[in-house]
Amino acid sequence: MILFVNLQTTTCRRILVPDTSPCLFYKFLGYLYSGLLDTRSLSPDEVTEMLALSDKYEVSLTRLFAD
């Protein structure tokens, strides 16, 4: 069975990511692409939030805290 759907193209360039700050999510994306994250630059609250993001998106951050 083939379904046809009326699709509309939008030019919205904003993606909403609830429950995090843009700055921290940018650092999270940087980690996803590079595998590097300077944890010394994170506050304790940001570390907690980063762990919550990793859990939400099923990304392992365990190697960050191994040292």
C-alpha atoms as a PDB file:
ATOM      1  CA  MET A   1       0.000   0.000   0.000  1.00  0.00           C
ATOM      2  CA  ILE A   2       1.351   3.427  -0.902  1.00  0.00           C
ATOM      3  CA  LEU A   3       0.288   6.442   1.097  1.00  0.00           C
ATOM      4  CA  PHE A   4       0.498   9.942  -0.291  1.00  0.00           C
ATOM      5  CA  VAL A   5       0.863  12.768   2.158  1.00  0.00           C
ATOM      6  CA  ASN A   6       0.646  16.474   1.477  1.00  0.00           C
ATOM      7  CA  LEU A   7       4.028  17.709   2.741  1.00  0.00           C
ATOM      8  CA  GLN A   8       4.862  21.329   3.250  1.00  0.00           C
ATOM      9  CA  THR A   9       8.411  22.629   3.128  1.00  0.00           C
ATOM     10  CA  THR A  10       9.391  24.990   5.899  1.00  0.00           C
ATOM     11  CA  THR A  11      12.438  27.162   6.249  1.00  0.00           C
ATOM     12  CA  CYS A  12      12.514  27.289  10.031  1.00  0.00           C
ATOM     13  CA  ARG A  13      16.117  26.933  11.134  1.00  0.00           C
ATOM     14  CA  ARG A  14      15.475  26.695  14.849  1.00  0.00           C
ATOM     15  CA  ILE A  15      15.374  23.403  16.707  1.00  0.00           C
ATOM     16  CA  LEU A  16      14.048  23.475  20.240  1.00  0.00           C
ATOM     17  CA  VAL A  17      15.845  21.264  22.738  1.00  0.00           C
ATOM     18  CA  PRO A  18      14.076  21.477  26.077  1.00  0.00           C
ATOM     19  CA  ASP A  19      15.712  20.911  29.459  1.00  0.00           C
ATOM     20  CA  THR A  20      19.151  22.310  28.597  1.00  0.00           C
ATOM     21  CA  SER A  21      20.889  25.554  27.848  1.00  0.00           C
ATOM     22  CA  PRO A  22      22.081  26.335  24.320  1.00  0.00           C
ATOM     23  CA  CYS A  23      25.668  26.655  25.566  1.00  0.00           C
ATOM     24  CA  LEU A  24      25.704  23.239  27.221  1.00  0.00           C
ATOM     25  CA  PHE A  25      23.993  21.563  24.272  1.00  0.00           C
ATOM     26  CA  TYR A  26      26.655  23.089  22.001  1.00  0.00           C
ATOM     27  CA  LYS A  27      29.336  21.477  24.192  1.00  0.00           C
ATOM     28  CA  PHE A  28      27.425  18.190  24.038  1.00  0.00           C
ATOM     29  CA  LEU A  29      27.325  18.340  20.232  1.00  0.00           C
ATOM     30  CA  GLY A  30      31.026  19.115  20.189  1.00  0.00           C
ATOM     31  CA  TYR A  31      31.615  15.980  22.235  1.00  0.00           C
ATOM     32  CA  LEU A  32      29.474  13.921  19.842  1.00  0.00           C
ATOM     33  CA  TYR A  33      31.486  15.057  16.845  1.00  0.00           C
ATOM     34  CA  SER A  34      34.988  15.090  18.345  1.00  0.00           C
ATOM     35  CA  GLY A  35      34.889  12.788  21.353  1.00  0.00           C
ATOM     36  CA  LEU A  36      36.570  15.568  23.359  1.00  0.00           C
ATOM     37  CA  LEU A  37      35.182  17.597  26.237  1.00  0.00           C
ATOM     38  CA  ASP A  38      37.084  19.714  28.738  1.00  0.00           C
ATOM     39  CA  THR A  39      35.306  18.683  31.926  1.00  0.00           C
ATOM     40  CA  ARG A  40      37.394  21.165  33.929  1.00  0.00           C
ATOM     41  CA  SER A  41      35.409  23.963  32.296  1.00  0.00           C
ATOM     42  CA  LEU A  42      32.088  22.556  33.557  1.00  0.00           C
ATOM     43  CA  SER A  43      30.456  23.461  36.837  1.00  0.00           C
ATOM     44  CA  PRO A  44      29.044  20.643  39.008  1.00  0.00           C
ATOM     45  CA  ASP A  45      25.535  21.545  37.798  1.00  0.00           C
ATOM     46  CA  GLU A  46      26.672  21.398  34.172  1.00  0.00           C
ATOM     47  CA  VAL A  47      28.246  17.972  34.747  1.00  0.00           C
ATOM     48  CA  THR A  48      24.926  16.761  36.132  1.00  0.00           C
ATOM     49  CA  GLU A  49      23.075  18.239  33.170  1.00  0.00           C
ATOM     50  CA  MET A  50      25.586  16.735  30.727  1.00  0.00           C
ATOM     51  CA  LEU A  51      25.025  13.307  32.278  1.00  0.00           C
ATOM     52  CA  ALA A  52      21.271  13.798  31.948  1.00  0.00           C
ATOM     53  CA  LEU A  53      21.713  14.695  28.255  1.00  0.00           C
ATOM     54  CA  SER A  54      23.873  11.648  27.674  1.00  0.00           C
ATOM     55  CA  ASP A  55      21.226   9.455  29.281  1.00  0.00           C
ATOM     56  CA  LYS A  56      18.417  11.080  27.286  1.00  0.00           C
ATOM     57  CA  TYR A  57      20.226  10.616  23.962  1.00  0.00           C
ATOM     58  CA  GLU A  58      21.845   7.284  24.945  1.00  0.00           C
ATOM     59  CA  VAL A  59      25.430   8.510  24.620  1.00  0.00           C
ATOM     60  CA  SER A  60      28.154   7.045  26.815  1.00  0.00           C
ATOM     61  CA  LEU A  61      30.147   9.655  28.725  1.00  0.00           C
ATOM     62  CA  THR A  62      31.900   7.220  31.045  1.00  0.00           C
ATOM     63  CA  ARG A  63      35.307   7.730  29.437  1.00  0.00           C
ATOM     64  CA  LEU A  64      35.137  11.429  30.336  1.00  0.00           C
ATOM     65  CA  PHE A  65      35.364  10.713  34.023  1.00  0.00           C
ATOM     66  CA  ALA A  66      37.823   7.826  33.881  1.00  0.00           C
ATOM     67  CA  ASP A  67      40.887  10.009  34.533  1.00  0.00           C
END
